[in-house]
């Protein structure tokens, strides 16, 4: 039984690590899109991407917290 729990925790840890890695990629992609929107003078789009980036960062920190338990 303990081995099964340990295995489940390993899966959970890997899943959280993959999620954090994915969020980091999304943050970078959205930063590039935000910069492009700023260059094109699209203020509303720039605000949208800024909000998305903040949400990704919030979720990433939450996942990091779960990972460090």
C-alpha atoms as a PDB file:
ATOM      1  CA  UNK A   1       0.000   0.000   0.000  1.00  0.00           C
ATOM      2  CA  UNK A   2       2.786   2.435   0.904  1.00  0.00           C
ATOM      3  CA  UNK A   3       4.490   1.732  -2.411  1.00  0.00           C
ATOM      4  CA  UNK A   4       1.284   2.611  -4.208  1.00  0.00           C
ATOM      5  CA  UNK A   5       1.028   5.932  -2.358  1.00  0.00           C
ATOM      6  CA  UNK A   6       4.662   6.696  -3.101  1.00  0.00           C
ATOM      7  CA  UNK A   7       4.111   5.962  -6.790  1.00  0.00           C
ATOM      8  CA  UNK A   8       1.082   8.266  -6.826  1.00  0.00           C
ATOM      9  CA  UNK A   9       3.107  11.063  -5.252  1.00  0.00           C
ATOM     10  CA  UNK A  10       5.802  10.659  -7.906  1.00  0.00           C
ATOM     11  CA  UNK A  11       3.173  10.930 -10.635  1.00  0.00           C
ATOM     12  CA  UNK A  12       1.712  14.001  -8.938  1.00  0.00           C
ATOM     13  CA  UNK A  13       5.135  15.621  -8.654  1.00  0.00           C
ATOM     14  CA  UNK A  14       5.909  14.984 -12.323  1.00  0.00           C
ATOM     15  CA  UNK A  15       2.495  16.286 -13.359  1.00  0.00           C
ATOM     16  CA  UNK A  16       3.031  19.474 -11.346  1.00  0.00           C
ATOM     17  CA  UNK A  17       6.524  19.925 -12.810  1.00  0.00           C
ATOM     18  CA  UNK A  18       5.177  19.530 -16.356  1.00  0.00           C
ATOM     19  CA  UNK A  19       2.415  22.017 -15.573  1.00  0.00           C
ATOM     20  CA  UNK A  20       4.915  24.577 -14.286  1.00  0.00           C
ATOM     21  CA  UNK A  21       7.111  24.092 -17.360  1.00  0.00           C
ATOM     22  CA  UNK A  22       4.091  24.555 -19.621  1.00  0.00           C
ATOM     23  CA  UNK A  23       3.050  27.717 -17.786  1.00  0.00           C
ATOM     24  CA  UNK A  24       6.567  29.132 -18.187  1.00  0.00           C
ATOM     25  CA  UNK A  25       6.305  28.556 -21.951  1.00  0.00           C
ATOM     26  CA  UNK A  26       2.898  30.236 -22.075  1.00  0.00           C
ATOM     27  CA  UNK A  27       4.206  33.229 -20.132  1.00  0.00           C
ATOM     28  CA  UNK A  28       7.035  33.681 -22.647  1.00  0.00           C
ATOM     29  CA  UNK A  29       4.670  33.324 -25.624  1.00  0.00           C
ATOM     30  CA  UNK A  30       2.264  35.877 -24.163  1.00  0.00           C
ATOM     31  CA  UNK A  31       5.094  38.305 -23.353  1.00  0.00           C
ATOM     32  CA  UNK A  32       6.100  38.226 -27.028  1.00  0.00           C
ATOM     33  CA  UNK A  33       2.500  38.752 -28.117  1.00  0.00           C
ATOM     34  CA  UNK A  34       2.142  41.623 -25.629  1.00  0.00           C
ATOM     35  CA  UNK A  35       5.268  43.311 -27.012  1.00  0.00           C
ATOM     36  CA  UNK A  36       3.975  42.918 -30.570  1.00  0.00           C
ATOM     37  CA  UNK A  37       0.608  44.397 -29.574  1.00  0.00           C
ATOM     38  CA  UNK A  38       2.417  47.338 -27.926  1.00  0.00           C
ATOM     39  CA  UNK A  39       4.467  47.961 -31.078  1.00  0.00           C
ATOM     40  CA  UNK A  40       1.290  47.934 -33.148  1.00  0.00           C
ATOM     41  CA  UNK A  41      -0.419  50.313 -30.729  1.00  0.00           C
ATOM     42  CA  UNK A  42      -3.149  47.856 -29.769  1.00  0.00           C
ATOM     43  CA  UNK A  43      -3.657  48.955 -26.176  1.00  0.00           C
ATOM     44  CA  UNK A  44      -6.611  46.696 -25.357  1.00  0.00           C
ATOM     45  CA  UNK A  45      -4.815  43.626 -26.683  1.00  0.00           C
ATOM     46  CA  UNK A  46      -1.735  44.585 -24.691  1.00  0.00           C
ATOM     47  CA  UNK A  47      -3.859  44.815 -21.517  1.00  0.00           C
ATOM     48  CA  UNK A  48      -5.414  41.443 -22.300  1.00  0.00           C
ATOM     49  CA  UNK A  49      -2.010  39.765 -22.595  1.00  0.00           C
ATOM     50  CA  UNK A  50      -0.814  41.471 -19.405  1.00  0.00           C
ATOM     51  CA  UNK A  51      -3.810  40.002 -17.579  1.00  0.00           C
ATOM     52  CA  UNK A  52      -3.171  36.568 -19.048  1.00  0.00           C
ATOM     53  CA  UNK A  53       0.482  36.717 -17.972  1.00  0.00           C
ATOM     54  CA  UNK A  54      -0.510  37.628 -14.418  1.00  0.00           C
ATOM     55  CA  UNK A  55      -3.002  34.759 -14.311  1.00  0.00           C
ATOM     56  CA  UNK A  56      -0.365  32.305 -15.569  1.00  0.00           C
ATOM     57  CA  UNK A  57       2.042  33.563 -12.902  1.00  0.00           C
ATOM     58  CA  UNK A  58      -0.599  33.152 -10.194  1.00  0.00           C
ATOM     59  CA  UNK A  59      -1.360  29.586 -11.259  1.00  0.00           C
ATOM     60  CA  UNK A  60       2.369  28.805 -11.527  1.00  0.00           C
ATOM     61  CA  UNK A  61       2.982  29.993  -7.972  1.00  0.00           C
ATOM     62  CA  UNK A  62       0.041  27.918  -6.762  1.00  0.00           C
ATOM     63  CA  UNK A  63       1.475  24.823  -8.455  1.00  0.00           C
ATOM     64  CA  UNK A  64       4.920  25.540  -6.979  1.00  0.00           C
ATOM     65  CA  UNK A  65       3.299  25.701  -3.559  1.00  0.00           C
ATOM     66  CA  UNK A  66       1.670  22.316  -4.100  1.00  0.00           C
ATOM     67  CA  UNK A  67       4.971  20.907  -5.334  1.00  0.00           C
ATOM     68  CA  UNK A  68       6.818  22.030  -2.205  1.00  0.00           C
ATOM     69  CA  UNK A  69       4.411  20.375   0.234  1.00  0.00           C
END
